[in-house]
C-alpha atoms as a PDB file:
ATOM      1  CA  MET A   1    -107.747 156.194  89.484  1.00  0.00           C
ATOM      2  CA  PRO A   2    -104.640 154.685  89.667  1.00  0.00           C
ATOM      3  CA  GLU A   3    -103.554 155.211  93.636  1.00  0.00           C
ATOM      4  CA  LEU A   4    -100.031 154.552  95.320  1.00  0.00           C
ATOM      5  CA  PRO A   5     -99.617 150.598  94.425  1.00  0.00           C
ATOM      6  CA  GLU A   6    -100.113 151.208  90.871  1.00  0.00           C
ATOM      7  CA  VAL A   7     -97.999 154.396  90.519  1.00  0.00           C
ATOM      8  CA  GLU A   8     -94.844 152.126  92.561  1.00  0.00           C
ATOM      9  CA  VAL A   9     -95.585 149.543  89.890  1.00  0.00           C
ATOM     10  CA  VAL A  10     -95.435 152.345  86.539  1.00  0.00           C
ATOM     11  CA  ARG A  11     -92.420 153.571  88.825  1.00  0.00           C
ATOM     12  CA  ALA A  12     -90.146 150.345  88.917  1.00  0.00           C
ATOM     13  CA  GLY A  13     -90.878 149.765  85.371  1.00  0.00           C
ATOM     14  CA  LEU A  14     -89.366 152.643  84.776  1.00  0.00           C
ATOM     15  CA  GLU A  15     -87.066 152.443  86.906  1.00  0.00           C
ATOM     16  CA  ARG A  16     -85.824 148.985  85.162  1.00  0.00           C
ATOM     17  CA  HIS A  17     -86.466 150.298  81.225  1.00  0.00           C
ATOM     18  CA  GLY A  18     -86.359 153.953  81.360  1.00  0.00           C
ATOM     19  CA  LEU A  19     -83.307 154.944  82.445  1.00  0.00           C
ATOM     20  CA  GLY A  20     -79.584 155.945  80.884  1.00  0.00           C
ATOM     21  CA  ARG A  21     -80.807 156.959  77.568  1.00  0.00           C
ATOM     22  CA  THR A  22     -81.064 160.157  75.595  1.00  0.00           C
ATOM     23  CA  LEU A  23     -84.162 161.689  75.111  1.00  0.00           C
ATOM     24  CA  ASP A  24     -84.394 163.091  71.895  1.00  0.00           C
ATOM     25  CA  GLY A  25     -87.163 164.262  68.856  1.00  0.00           C
ATOM     26  CA  VAL A  26     -89.928 164.494  72.270  1.00  0.00           C
ATOM     27  CA  GLU A  27     -93.100 164.851  70.233  1.00  0.00           C
ATOM     28  CA  VAL A  28     -96.277 166.572  72.166  1.00  0.00           C
ATOM     29  CA  LEU A  29     -99.124 165.248  69.973  1.00  0.00           C
ATOM     30  CA  HIS A  30    -102.344 166.234  72.671  1.00  0.00           C
ATOM     31  CA  PRO A  31    -101.565 169.554  74.392  1.00  0.00           C
ATOM     32  CA  ARG A  32    -103.942 169.024  77.032  1.00  0.00           C
ATOM     33  CA  SER A  33    -101.192 166.389  78.138  1.00  0.00           C
ATOM     34  CA  VAL A  34     -98.922 169.050  78.508  1.00  0.00           C
ATOM     35  CA  ARG A  35    -101.787 171.937  80.045  1.00  0.00           C
ATOM     36  CA  ARG A  36     -99.484 172.304  83.427  1.00  0.00           C
ATOM     37  CA  HIS A  37     -95.902 172.932  81.248  1.00  0.00           C
ATOM     38  CA  VAL A  38     -97.273 176.677  81.359  1.00  0.00           C
ATOM     39  CA  PRO A  39     -94.288 177.773  78.729  1.00  0.00           C
ATOM     40  CA  GLY A  40     -96.280 175.848  76.164  1.00  0.00           C
ATOM     41  CA  ALA A  41     -95.507 172.624  74.557  1.00  0.00           C
ATOM     42  CA  ALA A  42     -92.660 173.504  72.421  1.00  0.00           C
ATOM     43  CA  ASP A  43     -90.516 174.170  75.176  1.00  0.00           C
ATOM     44  CA  PHE A  44     -91.788 171.047  77.211  1.00  0.00           C
ATOM     45  CA  ALA A  45     -89.960 169.248  73.591  1.00  0.00           C
ATOM     46  CA  ALA A  46     -86.913 171.300  74.294  1.00  0.00           C
ATOM     47  CA  ARG A  47     -86.270 170.934  77.643  1.00  0.00           C
ATOM     48  CA  LEU A  48     -86.383 167.131  77.079  1.00  0.00           C
ATOM     49  CA  ALA A  49     -84.228 167.467  73.923  1.00  0.00           C
ATOM     50  CA  GLY A  50     -80.762 165.717  74.820  1.00  0.00           C
ATOM     51  CA  ARG A  51     -81.488 165.031  78.548  1.00  0.00           C
ATOM     52  CA  VAL A  52     -80.777 162.011  80.391  1.00  0.00           C
ATOM     53  CA  PRO A  53     -83.250 160.391  82.860  1.00  0.00           C
ATOM     54  CA  VAL A  54     -81.209 159.512  85.676  1.00  0.00           C
ATOM     55  CA  ALA A  55     -83.644 158.051  88.920  1.00  0.00           C
ATOM     56  CA  ALA A  56     -86.916 157.379  88.714  1.00  0.00           C
ATOM     57  CA  ARG A  57     -88.972 158.745  91.819  1.00  0.00           C
ATOM     58  CA  ARG A  58     -92.189 159.002  93.230  1.00  0.00           C
ATOM     59  CA  ARG A  59     -94.320 160.625  96.255  1.00  0.00           C
ATOM     60  CA  GLY A  60     -97.655 159.609  96.667  1.00  0.00           C
ATOM     61  CA  LYS A  61     -99.970 159.133  93.556  1.00  0.00           C
ATOM     62  CA  TYR A  62     -97.245 161.134  91.272  1.00  0.00           C
ATOM     63  CA  LEU A  63     -93.655 159.904  90.223  1.00  0.00           C
ATOM     64  CA  TRP A  64     -90.912 161.649  88.494  1.00  0.00           C
ATOM     65  CA  LEU A  65     -87.899 160.777  86.386  1.00  0.00           C
ATOM     66  CA  GLU A  66     -84.716 163.183  86.899  1.00  0.00           C
ATOM     67  CA  LEU A  67     -83.193 164.439  84.698  1.00  0.00           C
ATOM     68  CA  ASP A  68     -78.915 165.002  84.192  1.00  0.00           C
ATOM     69  CA  SER A  69     -79.858 168.565  83.939  1.00  0.00           C
ATOM     70  CA  GLY A  70     -81.463 168.809  87.226  1.00  0.00           C
ATOM     71  CA  GLU A  71     -84.852 168.683  86.270  1.00  0.00           C
ATOM     72  CA  MET A  72     -88.020 166.546  86.711  1.00  0.00           C
ATOM     73  CA  LEU A  73     -90.408 164.958  83.919  1.00  0.00           C
ATOM     74  CA  LEU A  74     -93.238 164.831  86.527  1.00  0.00           C
ATOM     75  CA  ALA A  75     -96.386 162.632  85.712  1.00  0.00           C
ATOM     76  CA  HIS A  76     -99.835 162.211  86.513  1.00  0.00           C
ATOM     77  CA  LEU A  77    -101.655 159.282  85.771  1.00  0.00           C
ATOM     78  CA  GLY A  78    -104.858 160.733  85.963  1.00  0.00           C
ATOM     79  CA  MET A  79    -107.873 158.395  85.390  1.00  0.00           C
ATOM     80  CA  SER A  80    -107.022 156.924  82.709  1.00  0.00           C
ATOM     81  CA  GLY A  81    -103.110 157.564  81.894  1.00  0.00           C
ATOM     82  CA  GLN A  82    -100.451 155.167  81.066  1.00  0.00           C
ATOM     83  CA  ILE A  83     -96.742 155.281  80.279  1.00  0.00           C
ATOM     84  CA  LEU A  84     -95.309 152.444  77.835  1.00  0.00           C
ATOM     85  CA  VAL A  85     -92.028 151.263  76.911  1.00  0.00           C
ATOM     86  CA  GLN A  86     -92.193 150.222  73.957  1.00  0.00           C
ATOM     87  CA  PRO A  87     -90.045 149.432  70.532  1.00  0.00           C
ATOM     88  CA  ALA A  88     -90.157 152.513  67.920  1.00  0.00           C
ATOM     89  CA  GLY A  89     -91.877 151.720  65.182  1.00  0.00           C
ATOM     90  CA  LYS A  90     -94.609 149.402  66.802  1.00  0.00           C
ATOM     91  CA  PRO A  91     -97.803 151.007  65.803  1.00  0.00           C
ATOM     92  CA  ASP A  92     -98.984 153.761  67.822  1.00  0.00           C
ATOM     93  CA  GLU A  93    -102.077 152.700  70.499  1.00  0.00           C
ATOM     94  CA  LYS A  94    -105.013 155.076  69.977  1.00  0.00           C
ATOM     95  CA  HIS A  95    -104.708 157.496  72.701  1.00  0.00           C
ATOM     96  CA  LEU A  96    -101.451 158.136  72.329  1.00  0.00           C
ATOM     97  CA  ARG A  97    -100.406 162.022  73.703  1.00  0.00           C
ATOM     98  CA  VAL A  98     -96.635 162.311  74.293  1.00  0.00           C
ATOM     99  CA  ARG A  99     -93.969 160.027  72.360  1.00  0.00           C
ATOM    100  CA  LEU A 100     -90.352 160.104  74.213  1.00  0.00           C
ATOM    101  CA  PRO A 101     -87.988 158.538  71.863  1.00  0.00           C
ATOM    102  CA  LEU A 102     -85.068 157.057  73.846  1.00  0.00           C
ATOM    103  CA  SER A 103     -81.560 156.863  72.443  1.00  0.00           C
ATOM    104  CA  ASP A 104     -81.382 153.207  72.176  1.00  0.00           C
ATOM    105  CA  GLY A 105     -84.255 152.364  70.068  1.00  0.00           C
ATOM    106  CA  GLN A 106     -87.407 152.899  72.770  1.00  0.00           C
ATOM    107  CA  GLU A 107     -90.006 155.155  73.379  1.00  0.00           C
ATOM    108  CA  LEU A 108     -91.419 156.203  76.850  1.00  0.00           C
ATOM    109  CA  ARG A 109     -95.346 156.669  75.564  1.00  0.00           C
ATOM    110  CA  PHE A 110     -97.484 159.159  77.276  1.00  0.00           C
ATOM    111  CA  VAL A 111    -101.489 157.395  76.399  1.00  0.00           C
ATOM    112  CA  ASP A 112    -104.512 158.484  77.922  1.00  0.00           C
ATOM    113  CA  GLN A 113    -107.671 158.086  76.998  1.00  0.00           C
ATOM    114  CA  ARG A 114    -109.581 160.646  78.911  1.00  0.00           C
ATOM    115  CA  THR A 115    -106.880 163.101  78.863  1.00  0.00           C
ATOM    116  CA  PHE A 116    -106.710 164.214  82.180  1.00  0.00           C
ATOM    117  CA  GLY A 117    -103.496 162.831  84.029  1.00  0.00           C
ATOM    118  CA  HIS A 118     -99.962 165.465  82.997  1.00  0.00           C
ATOM    119  CA  LEU A 119     -96.671 165.510  82.361  1.00  0.00           C
ATOM    120  CA  LEU A 120     -94.757 168.916  82.914  1.00  0.00           C
ATOM    121  CA  VAL A 121     -91.196 169.461  83.783  1.00  0.00           C
ATOM    122  CA  GLU A 122     -89.750 171.248  86.824  1.00  0.00           C
ATOM    123  CA  GLY A 123     -86.901 172.084  88.882  1.00  0.00           C
ATOM    124  CA  PRO A 124     -86.913 171.233  92.601  1.00  0.00           C
ATOM    125  CA  GLY A 125     -89.165 172.879  95.491  1.00  0.00           C
ATOM    126  CA  GLU A 126     -88.142 173.915  98.581  1.00  0.00           C
ATOM    127  CA  ARG A 127     -87.535 169.969  99.926  1.00  0.00           C
ATOM    128  CA  THR A 128     -84.532 168.244  98.353  1.00  0.00           C
ATOM    129  CA  GLY A 129     -85.409 166.124  95.597  1.00  0.00           C
ATOM    130  CA  VAL A 130     -88.871 167.034  95.121  1.00  0.00           C
ATOM    131  CA  PRO A 131     -90.423 168.942  92.316  1.00  0.00           C
ATOM    132  CA  GLY A 132     -91.875 171.782  92.854  1.00  0.00           C
ATOM    133  CA  SER A 133     -95.658 171.165  92.187  1.00  0.00           C
ATOM    134  CA  VAL A 134     -95.432 168.408  94.957  1.00  0.00           C
ATOM    135  CA  ASP A 135     -94.116 170.384  97.494  1.00  0.00           C
ATOM    136  CA  HIS A 136     -97.528 170.244  99.226  1.00  0.00           C
ATOM    137  CA  ILE A 137     -97.533 166.321  99.009  1.00  0.00           C
ATOM    138  CA  ALA A 138     -97.667 164.236 102.390  1.00  0.00           C
ATOM    139  CA  LEU A 139     -95.122 161.573 102.196  1.00  0.00           C
ATOM    140  CA  ASP A 140     -96.841 157.855 102.286  1.00  0.00           C
ATOM    141  CA  PRO A 141     -97.417 155.146 104.400  1.00  0.00           C
ATOM    142  CA  LEU A 142     -94.340 153.098 102.529  1.00  0.00           C
ATOM    143  CA  ASP A 143     -91.952 155.385 102.418  1.00  0.00           C
ATOM    144  CA  PRO A 144     -88.858 154.755 104.813  1.00  0.00           C
ATOM    145  CA  GLU A 145     -89.743 158.291 106.778  1.00  0.00           C
ATOM    146  CA  PHE A 146     -93.275 158.421 107.103  1.00  0.00           C
ATOM    147  CA  ASP A 147     -94.204 158.665 111.212  1.00  0.00           C
ATOM    148  CA  ALA A 148     -97.409 157.024 111.575  1.00  0.00           C
ATOM    149  CA  ALA A 149     -98.173 159.017 115.112  1.00  0.00           C
ATOM    150  CA  ALA A 150     -97.631 162.066 113.883  1.00  0.00           C
ATOM    151  CA  CYS A 151     -99.867 161.409 110.715  1.00  0.00           C
ATOM    152  CA  VAL A 152    -102.518 160.186 113.245  1.00  0.00           C
ATOM    153  CA  ARG A 153    -102.579 163.501 115.228  1.00  0.00           C
ATOM    154  CA  ALA A 154    -102.911 165.851 112.092  1.00  0.00           C
ATOM    155  CA  LEU A 155    -105.414 162.939 111.279  1.00  0.00           C
ATOM    156  CA  ARG A 156    -107.342 164.000 114.560  1.00  0.00           C
ATOM    157  CA  ALA A 157    -106.556 167.399 114.246  1.00  0.00           C
ATOM    158  CA  ARG A 158    -108.647 168.229 111.071  1.00  0.00           C
ATOM    159  CA  ARG A 159    -111.978 166.821 112.415  1.00  0.00           C
ATOM    160  CA  THR A 160    -114.043 165.363 109.546  1.00  0.00           C
ATOM    161  CA  GLU A 161    -115.264 161.434 108.135  1.00  0.00           C
ATOM    162  CA  VAL A 162    -112.402 159.201 108.488  1.00  0.00           C
ATOM    163  CA  LYS A 163    -112.479 158.607 104.520  1.00  0.00           C
ATOM    164  CA  ARG A 164    -112.050 162.214 103.418  1.00  0.00           C
ATOM    165  CA  ALA A 165    -109.169 162.367 105.922  1.00  0.00           C
ATOM    166  CA  LEU A 166    -107.668 159.703 104.571  1.00  0.00           C
ATOM    167  CA  LEU A 167    -108.139 160.763 100.777  1.00  0.00           C
ATOM    168  CA  ASP A 168    -106.339 164.437 101.393  1.00  0.00           C
ATOM    169  CA  GLN A 169    -103.136 164.253 100.218  1.00  0.00           C
ATOM    170  CA  THR A 170    -101.749 166.708 102.417  1.00  0.00           C
ATOM    171  CA  LEU A 171    -102.194 164.174 105.678  1.00  0.00           C
ATOM    172  CA  VAL A 172    -100.917 160.948 104.249  1.00  0.00           C
ATOM    173  CA  SER A 173    -100.611 160.197 100.331  1.00  0.00           C
ATOM    174  CA  GLY A 174    -100.798 157.688  98.041  1.00  0.00           C
ATOM    175  CA  VAL A 175    -104.708 156.192  99.244  1.00  0.00           C
ATOM    176  CA  GLY A 176    -107.849 156.712  97.187  1.00  0.00           C
ATOM    177  CA  ASN A 177    -110.916 155.312  97.309  1.00  0.00           C
ATOM    178  CA  ILE A 178    -110.431 151.791  96.858  1.00  0.00           C
ATOM    179  CA  TYR A 179    -107.391 151.065  99.091  1.00  0.00           C
ATOM    180  CA  ALA A 180    -109.358 153.690 101.676  1.00  0.00           C
ATOM    181  CA  ASP A 181    -112.699 151.482 101.291  1.00  0.00           C
ATOM    182  CA  GLU A 182    -110.022 147.969 101.706  1.00  0.00           C
ATOM    183  CA  ALA A 183    -108.336 149.528 105.201  1.00  0.00           C
ATOM    184  CA  LEU A 184    -111.916 150.717 106.857  1.00  0.00           C
ATOM    185  CA  TRP A 185    -112.876 147.515 106.026  1.00  0.00           C
ATOM    186  CA  ARG A 186    -110.079 145.503 108.025  1.00  0.00           C
ATOM    187  CA  ALA A 187    -109.969 148.241 110.667  1.00  0.00           C
ATOM    188  CA  ARG A 188    -114.015 147.501 111.224  1.00  0.00           C
ATOM    189  CA  LEU A 189    -114.681 151.585 110.810  1.00  0.00           C
ATOM    190  CA  HIS A 190    -117.301 153.541 108.849  1.00  0.00           C
ATOM    191  CA  TRP A 191    -115.486 155.826 106.288  1.00  0.00           C
ATOM    192  CA  SER A 192    -117.893 158.504 108.096  1.00  0.00           C
ATOM    193  CA  ARG A 193    -117.015 158.062 111.474  1.00  0.00           C
ATOM    194  CA  SER A 194    -115.504 161.675 112.491  1.00  0.00           C
ATOM    195  CA  THR A 195    -111.916 161.689 113.467  1.00  0.00           C
ATOM    196  CA  ARG A 196    -112.183 163.749 116.228  1.00  0.00           C
ATOM    197  CA  GLY A 197    -112.320 161.551 119.248  1.00  0.00           C
ATOM    198  CA  LEU A 198    -110.400 158.721 117.247  1.00  0.00           C
ATOM    199  CA  PRO A 199    -108.449 156.726 119.405  1.00  0.00           C
ATOM    200  CA  ASP A 200    -104.476 157.182 118.506  1.00  0.00           C
ATOM    201  CA  ALA A 201    -104.602 152.966 118.625  1.00  0.00           C
ATOM    202  CA  ALA A 202    -107.060 153.161 116.850  1.00  0.00           C
ATOM    203  CA  GLY A 203    -105.642 155.268 113.631  1.00  0.00           C
ATOM    204  CA  GLU A 204    -102.415 153.506 114.016  1.00  0.00           C
ATOM    205  CA  GLU A 205    -104.365 150.317 113.376  1.00  0.00           C
ATOM    206  CA  LEU A 206    -105.704 152.018 110.670  1.00  0.00           C
ATOM    207  CA  LEU A 207    -102.400 153.275 108.921  1.00  0.00           C
ATOM    208  CA  GLY A 208    -101.500 149.624 109.434  1.00  0.00           C
ATOM    209  CA  HIS A 209    -103.982 148.131 107.307  1.00  0.00           C
ATOM    210  CA  VAL A 210    -103.600 151.251 104.942  1.00  0.00           C
ATOM    211  CA  THR A 211     -99.812 149.850 104.693  1.00  0.00           C
ATOM    212  CA  ASP A 212    -100.505 146.126 104.588  1.00  0.00           C
ATOM    213  CA  VAL A 213    -103.448 146.165 102.273  1.00  0.00           C
ATOM    214  CA  MET A 214    -101.060 148.378  99.836  1.00  0.00           C
ATOM    215  CA  THR A 215     -98.153 146.272  99.938  1.00  0.00           C
ATOM    216  CA  GLU A 216    -100.468 143.308  98.969  1.00  0.00           C
ATOM    217  CA  ALA A 217    -101.255 145.367  96.023  1.00  0.00           C
ATOM    218  CA  LEU A 218     -98.108 145.853  95.606  1.00  0.00           C
ATOM    219  CA  ALA A 219     -97.176 142.591  94.844  1.00  0.00           C
ATOM    220  CA  VAL A 220     -99.621 141.410  92.665  1.00  0.00           C
ATOM    221  CA  GLY A 221     -99.090 145.101  90.349  1.00  0.00           C
ATOM    222  CA  GLY A 222    -102.175 146.899  92.052  1.00  0.00           C
ATOM    223  CA  THR A 223    -105.239 146.938  90.610  1.00  0.00           C
ATOM    224  CA  THR A 224    -107.058 147.023  87.727  1.00  0.00           C
ATOM    225  CA  PHE A 225    -110.945 146.911  87.687  1.00  0.00           C
ATOM    226  CA  ASP A 226    -111.349 148.379  83.360  1.00  0.00           C
ATOM    227  CA  GLY A 227    -107.930 147.832  81.696  1.00  0.00           C
ATOM    228  CA  LEU A 228    -106.929 151.686  82.202  1.00  0.00           C
ATOM    229  CA  TYR A 229    -104.183 150.720  84.396  1.00  0.00           C
ATOM    230  CA  VAL A 230    -101.146 149.108  82.950  1.00  0.00           C
ATOM    231  CA  ASN A 231     -97.820 148.592  83.841  1.00  0.00           C
ATOM    232  CA  VAL A 232     -94.794 150.010  81.534  1.00  0.00           C
ATOM    233  CA  ASN A 233     -95.027 146.311  79.281  1.00  0.00           C
ATOM    234  CA  GLY A 234     -99.029 146.641  79.098  1.00  0.00           C
ATOM    235  CA  GLU A 235     -99.747 144.296  81.510  1.00  0.00           C
ATOM    236  CA  SER A 236    -103.043 144.520  83.879  1.00  0.00           C
ATOM    237  CA  GLY A 237    -102.815 144.184  87.984  1.00  0.00           C
ATOM    238  CA  TYR A 238    -104.778 141.076  89.823  1.00  0.00           C
ATOM    239  CA  PHE A 239    -105.394 143.150  93.606  1.00  0.00           C
ATOM    240  CA  GLU A 240    -109.036 142.834  92.130  1.00  0.00           C
ATOM    241  CA  ARG A 241    -109.385 139.493  93.149  1.00  0.00           C
ATOM    242  CA  GLY A 242    -108.104 139.906  96.725  1.00  0.00           C
ATOM    243  CA  LEU A 243    -110.789 143.234  97.478  1.00  0.00           C
ATOM    244  CA  ASN A 244    -112.971 142.272 100.432  1.00  0.00           C
ATOM    245  CA  ALA A 245    -115.383 146.117 100.206  1.00  0.00           C
ATOM    246  CA  TYR A 246    -114.913 147.781  97.577  1.00  0.00           C
ATOM    247  CA  GLY A 247    -117.212 147.342  94.101  1.00  0.00           C
ATOM    248  CA  ARG A 248    -118.374 144.254  96.008  1.00  0.00           C
ATOM    249  CA  ARG A 249    -122.091 145.826  96.626  1.00  0.00           C
ATOM    250  CA  ASP A 250    -124.567 142.933  97.153  1.00  0.00           C
ATOM    251  CA  ARG A 251    -121.504 140.885  97.762  1.00  0.00           C
ATOM    252  CA  PRO A 252    -121.408 139.138 101.230  1.00  0.00           C
ATOM    253  CA  CYS A 253    -118.960 139.635 103.805  1.00  0.00           C
ATOM    254  CA  GLY A 254    -116.208 137.704 103.859  1.00  0.00           C
ATOM    255  CA  ARG A 255    -115.622 138.352 107.479  1.00  0.00           C
ATOM    256  CA  CYS A 256    -120.012 137.977 108.608  1.00  0.00           C
ATOM    257  CA  GLY A 257    -121.954 136.967 105.250  1.00  0.00           C
ATOM    258  CA  THR A 258    -123.470 140.319 104.964  1.00  0.00           C
ATOM    259  CA  ALA A 259    -123.920 141.600 101.675  1.00  0.00           C
ATOM    260  CA  ILE A 260    -121.411 144.698 100.910  1.00  0.00           C
ATOM    261  CA  VAL A 261    -123.763 148.295 101.043  1.00  0.00           C
ATOM    262  CA  ARG A 262    -122.907 151.154  98.364  1.00  0.00           C
ATOM    263  CA  GLU A 263    -123.146 154.667  99.935  1.00  0.00           C
ATOM    264  CA  ALA A 264    -122.764 157.638  97.718  1.00  0.00           C
ATOM    265  CA  PHE A 265    -119.498 159.704  99.014  1.00  0.00           C
ATOM    266  CA  MET A 266    -117.643 162.773  97.847  1.00  0.00           C
ATOM    267  CA  ASN A 267    -119.243 161.893  94.162  1.00  0.00           C
ATOM    268  CA  ARG A 268    -118.028 158.603  94.286  1.00  0.00           C
ATOM    269  CA  SER A 269    -119.102 155.430  96.246  1.00  0.00           C
ATOM    270  CA  SER A 270    -117.996 154.193  99.097  1.00  0.00           C
ATOM    271  CA  PHE A 271    -118.057 150.656 100.063  1.00  0.00           C
ATOM    272  CA  SER A 272    -118.465 148.931 103.520  1.00  0.00           C
ATOM    273  CA  CYS A 273    -120.241 146.148 105.547  1.00  0.00           C
ATOM    274  CA  PRO A 274    -123.369 147.523 107.790  1.00  0.00           C
ATOM    275  CA  ARG A 275    -122.610 144.845 110.612  1.00  0.00           C
ATOM    276  CA  CYS A 276    -119.087 145.392 110.677  1.00  0.00           C
ATOM    277  CA  GLN A 277    -118.465 148.781 110.106  1.00  0.00           C
ATOM    278  CA  LYS A 278    -121.099 150.381 112.027  1.00  0.00           C
ATOM    279  CA  ARG A 279    -121.611 153.861 111.641  1.00  0.00           C
END
């Protein structure tokens, strides 16, 4: 699933190529992709008709376009969602779900093979400038207002496994399986380490590694494993080459040479070094 760096790459692409043009003739080709827009597909298209995206924003793994109407076009990419900028007339992608034509002859296209992603139009919530359905999402480590010390206190109070806490989007947003494993490897912490009793210094060091690894991933376009995550121009990210733990089962640890192990975690996988990251 795309995490903060991948979503930020898409947001930046929309900021460069998707603003200042009028939306017209929006087509919903698969109703599941607007399933969370409760009034339905026709209302979704009508709310966008004649509207102009004026800003591209992000909170954690969510991104949205602010519209000149004051509403927001919110997107969650799910596991396979892509937002592409394509010239009108270019052949449709196999899994094209929503077409959003722009007045300059370009189109925003929401492509989603597995249809776990979604789009919706809504107004702001209680937080200024944030869509209502994203109100509960915490700040992410790349946000200028992110408070690492406060986040560590919240992590410790949750009294759970440290990786579960990192993946809790109400505590810290944008972190998923890949970057959690990478940050824990850098911090030499096992994913099952309890947050209870985690020293403040260790917690802040871990969050520092989260920030570092996502910043490094962002610089090379994010991580692409199966070709499903791409930026708005259809290009893949290259951070897979810099991974030290995630997806490296049986490969030598870059620090000590011990084989990386894979363990079951929340119906997913967690990768770690059994020597550097002892339980």
